[in-house]
N, C-alpha and C. Protein backbone atom coordinates (compact mmCIF):
# COMPACT_ATOMS: atom_id res chain seq x y z
N UNK A 1 79.40 82.10 87.33
CA UNK A 1 80.24 82.16 86.15
C UNK A 1 80.97 80.84 86.02
N UNK A 2 81.13 80.39 84.80
CA UNK A 2 81.74 79.09 84.53
C UNK A 2 83.22 79.03 84.83
N UNK A 3 83.83 80.14 85.22
CA UNK A 3 85.28 80.14 85.50
C UNK A 3 85.64 79.33 86.73
N UNK A 4 84.63 79.01 87.59
CA UNK A 4 84.86 78.24 88.78
C UNK A 4 84.09 76.95 88.75
N UNK A 5 84.55 75.90 89.42
CA UNK A 5 83.90 74.58 89.34
C UNK A 5 82.52 74.53 90.00
N UNK A 6 82.24 75.43 90.89
CA UNK A 6 80.92 75.38 91.56
C UNK A 6 80.34 76.77 91.68
N UNK A 7 79.21 76.85 92.39
CA UNK A 7 78.48 78.14 92.47
C UNK A 7 79.02 79.08 93.55
N UNK A 8 80.03 78.69 94.31
CA UNK A 8 80.46 79.49 95.47
C UNK A 8 80.79 80.94 95.12
N UNK A 9 81.54 81.17 94.06
CA UNK A 9 81.95 82.54 93.72
C UNK A 9 80.75 83.38 93.25
N UNK A 10 79.86 82.78 92.47
CA UNK A 10 78.64 83.50 92.05
C UNK A 10 77.78 83.83 93.25
N UNK A 11 77.66 82.85 94.17
CA UNK A 11 76.92 83.12 95.40
C UNK A 11 77.57 84.22 96.23
N UNK A 12 78.89 84.22 96.26
CA UNK A 12 79.62 85.28 96.99
C UNK A 12 79.30 86.64 96.39
N UNK A 13 79.35 86.78 95.09
CA UNK A 13 79.04 88.05 94.44
C UNK A 13 77.61 88.47 94.80
N UNK A 14 76.65 87.56 94.73
CA UNK A 14 75.26 87.88 95.09
C UNK A 14 75.15 88.35 96.51
N UNK A 15 75.85 87.67 97.44
CA UNK A 15 75.81 88.04 98.86
C UNK A 15 76.49 89.41 99.06
N UNK A 16 77.60 89.67 98.39
CA UNK A 16 78.29 90.95 98.52
C UNK A 16 77.39 92.08 98.01
N UNK A 17 76.64 91.84 96.95
CA UNK A 17 75.76 92.87 96.42
C UNK A 17 74.70 93.30 97.45
N UNK A 18 74.39 92.43 98.40
CA UNK A 18 73.40 92.74 99.43
C UNK A 18 74.08 93.31 100.72
N UNK A 19 75.38 93.33 100.74
CA UNK A 19 76.13 93.70 101.94
C UNK A 19 76.49 95.19 101.92
N UNK A 20 76.62 95.82 103.08
CA UNK A 20 77.04 97.25 103.12
C UNK A 20 78.46 97.45 102.53
N UNK A 21 79.24 96.41 102.40
CA UNK A 21 80.59 96.52 101.81
C UNK A 21 80.55 96.74 100.29
N UNK A 22 79.39 96.53 99.70
CA UNK A 22 79.23 96.64 98.25
C UNK A 22 79.52 98.05 97.76
N UNK A 23 80.36 98.16 96.76
CA UNK A 23 80.71 99.44 96.11
C UNK A 23 80.39 99.28 94.60
N UNK A 24 79.18 99.63 94.16
CA UNK A 24 78.79 99.32 92.78
C UNK A 24 79.74 99.87 91.71
N UNK A 25 80.34 100.97 91.97
CA UNK A 25 81.23 101.57 90.95
C UNK A 25 82.56 100.81 90.84
N UNK A 26 82.82 99.87 91.76
CA UNK A 26 84.04 99.11 91.74
C UNK A 26 83.81 97.63 91.42
N UNK A 27 82.71 97.37 90.78
CA UNK A 27 82.40 96.03 90.25
C UNK A 27 82.42 96.13 88.75
N UNK A 28 83.40 95.48 88.12
CA UNK A 28 83.57 95.65 86.67
C UNK A 28 83.43 94.34 85.93
N UNK A 29 82.87 94.42 84.74
CA UNK A 29 82.73 93.24 83.89
C UNK A 29 83.31 93.50 82.52
N UNK A 30 83.70 92.43 81.86
CA UNK A 30 84.12 92.49 80.47
C UNK A 30 83.06 91.69 79.68
N UNK A 31 82.64 92.23 78.54
CA UNK A 31 81.66 91.53 77.74
C UNK A 31 82.21 91.30 76.33
N UNK A 32 81.70 90.25 75.69
CA UNK A 32 82.11 90.00 74.35
C UNK A 32 81.26 90.82 73.37
N UNK A 33 81.44 90.64 72.08
CA UNK A 33 80.70 91.42 71.09
C UNK A 33 79.20 91.20 71.16
N UNK A 34 78.75 90.07 71.68
CA UNK A 34 77.31 89.84 71.80
C UNK A 34 76.71 90.34 73.10
N UNK A 35 77.56 90.87 74.00
CA UNK A 35 77.09 91.37 75.28
C UNK A 35 77.14 90.37 76.40
N UNK A 36 77.67 89.18 76.14
CA UNK A 36 77.81 88.15 77.15
C UNK A 36 78.98 88.50 78.09
N UNK A 37 78.74 88.40 79.39
CA UNK A 37 79.80 88.66 80.36
C UNK A 37 80.85 87.54 80.28
N UNK A 38 82.10 87.94 80.05
CA UNK A 38 83.19 86.96 79.94
C UNK A 38 84.25 87.11 81.04
N UNK A 39 84.16 88.19 81.81
CA UNK A 39 85.12 88.42 82.88
C UNK A 39 84.55 89.37 83.91
N UNK A 40 85.08 89.27 85.14
CA UNK A 40 84.58 90.08 86.21
C UNK A 40 85.64 90.30 87.28
N UNK A 41 85.69 91.50 87.81
CA UNK A 41 86.59 91.80 88.96
C UNK A 41 85.78 92.67 89.93
N UNK A 42 85.84 92.31 91.19
CA UNK A 42 85.04 93.00 92.21
C UNK A 42 85.93 93.54 93.33
N UNK A 43 85.72 94.80 93.67
CA UNK A 43 86.36 95.39 94.85
C UNK A 43 85.28 95.74 95.84
N UNK A 44 85.43 95.31 97.10
CA UNK A 44 84.49 95.65 98.15
C UNK A 44 85.23 96.26 99.30
N UNK A 45 84.50 96.94 100.16
CA UNK A 45 85.10 97.59 101.34
C UNK A 45 85.66 96.51 102.25
N UNK A 46 86.80 96.77 102.79
CA UNK A 46 87.53 95.90 103.70
C UNK A 46 88.03 96.74 104.83
N UNK A 47 87.80 96.32 106.06
CA UNK A 47 88.37 97.00 107.22
C UNK A 47 89.79 96.48 107.44
N UNK A 48 90.71 97.42 107.61
CA UNK A 48 92.11 97.07 107.85
C UNK A 48 92.51 97.83 109.12
N UNK A 49 92.70 97.09 110.20
CA UNK A 49 92.96 97.75 111.50
C UNK A 49 91.81 98.69 111.80
N UNK A 50 92.10 99.96 112.04
CA UNK A 50 91.06 100.95 112.31
C UNK A 50 90.70 101.75 111.07
N UNK A 51 91.32 101.39 109.93
CA UNK A 51 91.05 102.12 108.68
C UNK A 51 90.26 101.31 107.70
N UNK A 52 90.25 101.76 106.46
CA UNK A 52 89.52 101.06 105.43
C UNK A 52 90.38 100.89 104.21
N UNK A 53 90.13 99.77 103.55
CA UNK A 53 90.82 99.45 102.30
C UNK A 53 89.79 98.73 101.41
N UNK A 54 90.32 98.01 100.42
CA UNK A 54 89.47 97.28 99.50
C UNK A 54 89.96 95.87 99.38
N UNK A 55 89.02 94.92 99.20
CA UNK A 55 89.34 93.55 98.89
C UNK A 55 89.07 93.29 97.44
N UNK A 56 90.04 92.73 96.74
CA UNK A 56 89.86 92.32 95.35
C UNK A 56 89.48 90.86 95.34
N UNK A 57 88.20 90.60 95.09
CA UNK A 57 87.71 89.21 95.01
C UNK A 57 86.20 89.24 94.83
N UNK A 58 85.69 88.34 94.04
CA UNK A 58 86.43 87.43 93.19
C UNK A 58 86.79 88.07 91.85
N UNK A 59 87.77 87.45 91.22
CA UNK A 59 88.13 87.77 89.83
C UNK A 59 87.84 86.48 89.06
N UNK A 60 87.06 86.57 87.98
CA UNK A 60 86.68 85.40 87.22
C UNK A 60 86.68 85.69 85.73
N UNK A 61 87.07 84.68 84.98
CA UNK A 61 87.07 84.79 83.48
C UNK A 61 86.50 83.47 82.98
N UNK A 62 85.56 83.58 82.03
CA UNK A 62 84.98 82.38 81.42
C UNK A 62 86.09 81.56 80.78
N UNK A 63 86.00 80.21 80.91
CA UNK A 63 87.09 79.35 80.44
C UNK A 63 87.54 79.61 79.02
N UNK A 64 86.61 79.85 78.11
CA UNK A 64 87.02 80.08 76.71
C UNK A 64 87.71 81.40 76.49
N UNK A 65 87.70 82.27 77.49
CA UNK A 65 88.34 83.58 77.38
C UNK A 65 89.61 83.66 78.22
N UNK A 66 89.94 82.62 78.94
CA UNK A 66 91.15 82.63 79.77
C UNK A 66 92.40 82.62 78.89
N UNK A 67 93.45 83.28 79.41
CA UNK A 67 94.74 83.39 78.75
C UNK A 67 94.65 84.27 77.47
N UNK A 68 93.68 85.19 77.48
CA UNK A 68 93.54 86.11 76.38
C UNK A 68 93.59 87.54 76.86
N UNK A 69 93.96 87.76 78.12
CA UNK A 69 94.09 89.13 78.62
C UNK A 69 92.85 89.71 79.28
N UNK A 70 91.76 88.95 79.34
CA UNK A 70 90.51 89.47 79.95
C UNK A 70 90.68 89.71 81.43
N UNK A 71 91.31 88.76 82.14
CA UNK A 71 91.51 88.93 83.59
C UNK A 71 92.33 90.16 83.87
N UNK A 72 93.42 90.32 83.13
CA UNK A 72 94.26 91.50 83.30
C UNK A 72 93.48 92.78 83.04
N UNK A 73 92.66 92.77 82.01
CA UNK A 73 91.85 93.92 81.66
C UNK A 73 90.89 94.32 82.77
N UNK A 74 90.18 93.37 83.34
CA UNK A 74 89.20 93.73 84.38
C UNK A 74 89.89 94.10 85.68
N UNK A 75 91.01 93.45 86.00
CA UNK A 75 91.73 93.81 87.24
C UNK A 75 92.31 95.23 87.11
N UNK A 76 92.96 95.51 85.98
CA UNK A 76 93.51 96.87 85.79
C UNK A 76 92.41 97.94 85.81
N UNK A 77 91.26 97.65 85.18
CA UNK A 77 90.16 98.60 85.20
C UNK A 77 89.65 98.82 86.63
N UNK A 78 89.58 97.75 87.41
CA UNK A 78 89.10 97.86 88.79
C UNK A 78 90.09 98.69 89.61
N UNK A 79 91.39 98.45 89.44
CA UNK A 79 92.39 99.18 90.20
C UNK A 79 92.41 100.65 89.80
N UNK A 80 92.22 100.94 88.51
CA UNK A 80 92.13 102.34 88.07
C UNK A 80 90.93 103.02 88.68
N UNK A 81 89.79 102.32 88.71
CA UNK A 81 88.57 102.89 89.31
C UNK A 81 88.81 103.18 90.80
N UNK A 82 89.50 102.29 91.49
CA UNK A 82 89.80 102.50 92.90
C UNK A 82 90.70 103.71 93.09
N UNK A 83 91.70 103.81 92.26
CA UNK A 83 92.63 104.95 92.33
C UNK A 83 91.87 106.25 92.07
N UNK A 84 90.98 106.26 91.03
CA UNK A 84 90.20 107.46 90.73
C UNK A 84 89.25 107.84 91.87
N UNK A 85 88.84 106.85 92.63
CA UNK A 85 87.95 107.09 93.78
C UNK A 85 88.70 107.56 95.00
N UNK A 86 90.01 107.66 94.93
CA UNK A 86 90.82 108.12 96.07
C UNK A 86 91.08 107.06 97.12
N UNK A 87 90.92 105.79 96.75
CA UNK A 87 91.18 104.71 97.70
C UNK A 87 92.68 104.60 97.93
N UNK A 88 93.03 103.98 99.06
CA UNK A 88 94.46 103.92 99.46
C UNK A 88 95.12 102.57 99.29
N UNK A 89 94.37 101.50 99.54
CA UNK A 89 94.99 100.15 99.66
C UNK A 89 94.03 99.09 99.17
N UNK A 90 94.58 98.15 98.39
CA UNK A 90 93.79 96.98 97.92
C UNK A 90 94.52 95.73 98.41
N UNK A 91 93.74 94.80 98.93
CA UNK A 91 94.27 93.53 99.41
C UNK A 91 93.68 92.41 98.55
N UNK A 92 94.52 91.45 98.23
CA UNK A 92 94.06 90.28 97.47
C UNK A 92 94.68 89.02 98.05
N UNK A 93 93.95 87.94 97.99
CA UNK A 93 94.46 86.63 98.36
C UNK A 93 94.56 85.84 97.06
N UNK A 94 95.79 85.57 96.62
CA UNK A 94 95.94 84.86 95.38
C UNK A 94 97.39 84.62 95.00
N UNK A 95 97.56 84.10 93.81
CA UNK A 95 98.85 83.71 93.31
C UNK A 95 99.80 84.93 93.17
N UNK A 96 100.89 84.93 93.92
CA UNK A 96 101.82 86.07 93.85
C UNK A 96 102.36 86.33 92.44
N UNK A 97 102.58 85.27 91.66
CA UNK A 97 103.07 85.48 90.30
C UNK A 97 102.04 86.21 89.45
N UNK A 98 100.79 85.88 89.59
CA UNK A 98 99.75 86.56 88.80
C UNK A 98 99.55 88.00 89.28
N UNK A 99 99.29 88.16 90.57
CA UNK A 99 98.96 89.51 91.07
C UNK A 99 100.17 90.44 91.19
N UNK A 100 101.36 89.86 91.20
CA UNK A 100 102.58 90.68 91.20
C UNK A 100 102.69 91.59 89.98
N UNK A 101 102.15 91.15 88.84
CA UNK A 101 102.19 91.97 87.63
C UNK A 101 101.45 93.28 87.76
N UNK A 102 100.55 93.36 88.75
CA UNK A 102 99.77 94.60 88.99
C UNK A 102 100.42 95.46 90.08
N UNK A 103 101.50 94.98 90.67
CA UNK A 103 102.18 95.72 91.73
C UNK A 103 101.90 95.23 93.12
N UNK A 104 101.12 94.17 93.26
CA UNK A 104 100.85 93.63 94.60
C UNK A 104 102.12 93.02 95.15
N UNK A 105 102.32 93.18 96.43
CA UNK A 105 103.47 92.60 97.14
C UNK A 105 102.92 91.95 98.42
N UNK A 106 103.74 91.10 99.08
CA UNK A 106 103.25 90.51 100.32
C UNK A 106 102.73 91.59 101.29
N UNK A 107 101.52 91.35 101.81
CA UNK A 107 100.85 92.33 102.63
C UNK A 107 101.63 92.70 103.92
N UNK A 108 102.39 91.75 104.43
CA UNK A 108 103.12 92.03 105.65
C UNK A 108 104.11 93.20 105.49
N UNK A 109 104.54 93.44 104.25
CA UNK A 109 105.45 94.57 104.02
C UNK A 109 104.77 95.90 104.29
N UNK A 110 103.45 95.91 104.31
CA UNK A 110 102.70 97.12 104.67
C UNK A 110 102.06 96.99 106.02
N UNK A 111 102.55 96.01 106.80
CA UNK A 111 102.00 95.74 108.15
C UNK A 111 100.52 95.42 108.09
N UNK A 112 100.15 94.67 107.06
CA UNK A 112 98.77 94.20 106.91
C UNK A 112 98.76 92.69 107.04
N UNK A 113 97.82 92.18 107.83
CA UNK A 113 97.73 90.72 108.03
C UNK A 113 96.29 90.27 107.79
N UNK A 114 96.17 88.96 107.60
CA UNK A 114 94.84 88.41 107.34
C UNK A 114 94.33 87.67 108.55
N UNK A 115 93.01 87.42 108.55
CA UNK A 115 92.37 86.76 109.66
C UNK A 115 92.49 85.21 109.59
N UNK A 116 93.25 84.69 108.63
CA UNK A 116 93.33 83.25 108.42
C UNK A 116 94.73 82.90 107.94
N UNK A 117 95.04 81.62 108.05
CA UNK A 117 96.35 81.13 107.61
C UNK A 117 96.31 80.86 106.10
N UNK A 118 97.31 81.41 105.42
CA UNK A 118 97.48 81.16 103.98
C UNK A 118 98.98 80.97 103.70
N UNK A 119 99.32 80.32 102.58
CA UNK A 119 100.74 80.19 102.29
C UNK A 119 101.41 81.56 102.21
N UNK A 120 102.68 81.58 102.62
CA UNK A 120 103.44 82.84 102.66
C UNK A 120 103.39 83.51 101.30
N UNK A 121 103.14 84.81 101.31
CA UNK A 121 103.11 85.58 100.08
C UNK A 121 101.78 85.65 99.38
N UNK A 122 100.80 84.85 99.77
CA UNK A 122 99.54 84.80 99.08
C UNK A 122 98.59 85.92 99.51
N UNK A 123 98.72 86.44 100.73
CA UNK A 123 97.97 87.63 101.11
C UNK A 123 98.84 88.81 100.68
N UNK A 124 98.29 89.58 99.72
CA UNK A 124 99.09 90.64 99.12
C UNK A 124 98.37 91.99 99.22
N UNK A 125 99.14 93.04 99.10
CA UNK A 125 98.56 94.39 99.16
C UNK A 125 99.17 95.26 98.06
N UNK A 126 98.35 96.16 97.62
CA UNK A 126 98.79 97.15 96.64
C UNK A 126 98.44 98.53 97.16
N UNK A 127 99.44 99.39 97.29
CA UNK A 127 99.14 100.76 97.72
C UNK A 127 98.84 101.59 96.46
N UNK A 128 97.88 102.48 96.62
CA UNK A 128 97.46 103.39 95.56
C UNK A 128 98.03 104.76 95.85
N UNK A 129 98.02 105.69 94.88
CA UNK A 129 98.63 106.99 95.10
C UNK A 129 98.17 107.75 96.38
N UNK A 130 96.97 107.52 96.83
CA UNK A 130 96.48 108.22 98.04
C UNK A 130 97.00 107.59 99.32
N UNK A 131 97.71 106.49 99.22
CA UNK A 131 98.23 105.80 100.41
C UNK A 131 99.18 106.70 101.20
N UNK A 132 98.97 106.82 102.48
CA UNK A 132 99.78 107.67 103.35
C UNK A 132 100.39 106.90 104.52
N UNK A 133 100.56 105.59 104.32
CA UNK A 133 101.10 104.75 105.41
C UNK A 133 100.01 104.11 106.21
N UNK A 134 98.79 104.45 105.91
CA UNK A 134 97.62 103.89 106.60
C UNK A 134 96.61 103.52 105.53
N UNK A 135 95.88 102.46 105.72
CA UNK A 135 95.67 101.66 106.92
C UNK A 135 96.71 100.54 107.05
N UNK A 136 96.82 100.07 108.30
CA UNK A 136 97.68 98.94 108.63
C UNK A 136 96.95 98.14 109.68
N UNK A 137 97.27 96.86 109.74
CA UNK A 137 96.66 96.01 110.77
C UNK A 137 95.99 94.79 110.18
N UNK A 138 95.14 94.20 110.99
CA UNK A 138 94.43 92.99 110.64
C UNK A 138 93.26 93.28 109.72
N UNK A 139 93.14 92.50 108.63
CA UNK A 139 92.01 92.67 107.70
C UNK A 139 90.77 92.01 108.27
N UNK A 140 89.67 92.70 108.11
CA UNK A 140 88.34 92.16 108.49
C UNK A 140 87.50 92.16 107.23
N UNK A 141 87.34 90.98 106.63
CA UNK A 141 86.58 90.86 105.39
C UNK A 141 85.09 91.00 105.67
N UNK A 142 84.33 91.47 104.65
CA UNK A 142 82.88 91.52 104.82
C UNK A 142 82.32 90.13 105.15
N UNK A 143 81.24 90.12 105.85
CA UNK A 143 80.61 88.86 106.32
C UNK A 143 80.42 87.81 105.22
N UNK A 144 80.01 88.20 104.00
CA UNK A 144 79.81 87.13 102.98
C UNK A 144 81.04 86.29 102.70
N UNK A 145 82.22 86.79 102.94
CA UNK A 145 83.45 85.99 102.69
C UNK A 145 83.57 84.84 103.67
N UNK A 146 82.91 84.92 104.81
CA UNK A 146 82.98 83.86 105.81
C UNK A 146 82.36 82.55 105.32
N UNK A 147 81.46 82.67 104.36
CA UNK A 147 80.78 81.45 103.82
C UNK A 147 81.60 80.73 102.75
N UNK A 148 82.67 81.36 102.30
CA UNK A 148 83.48 80.77 101.18
C UNK A 148 84.56 79.87 101.75
C-alpha cells in the first residue's frame, strides 16, 4: 500500500496471512466507490505472558485518503470486531496521541511489556469488555514481525 515509503508493511501483511497468528475476520479494509482499497487495519494473535491478546498492526491509509477519517474508521471497525469475538486485550505500538483516541493507554498500566525498547508510552494496550485482568506479561509477537 502506498501509505508507507517501502514494501515492508505489505510484505508483513503477506507474511502474517501465511502465519498461524492470522485471524481473517479481524483484517479489515476500507474501499472507495470504485472498489479500490484505501485503508487497512489488521489484528493478529499475540501471546501476552501465558495468555493471548491481539496485535494491531499494520494500519495503513492511502496518502490521498489520509486525514479524512479512513484510519479511524478501519481501526474502530477492527476493535469492534475484536470485541464481538470476545477478545480481551489489544496491543499497539504507535503514537500515543493518535491511538489514545481509541482508548489505548500505556501498556505497563496493565502489566504488559514489549520484547523491544521503544519510547515511553508508545507500547499501548486497550482492554475490551471481556478483559478480566488477564493476560499480563511480556508480549510475544508473531514471527513475521521479526523481519520488520
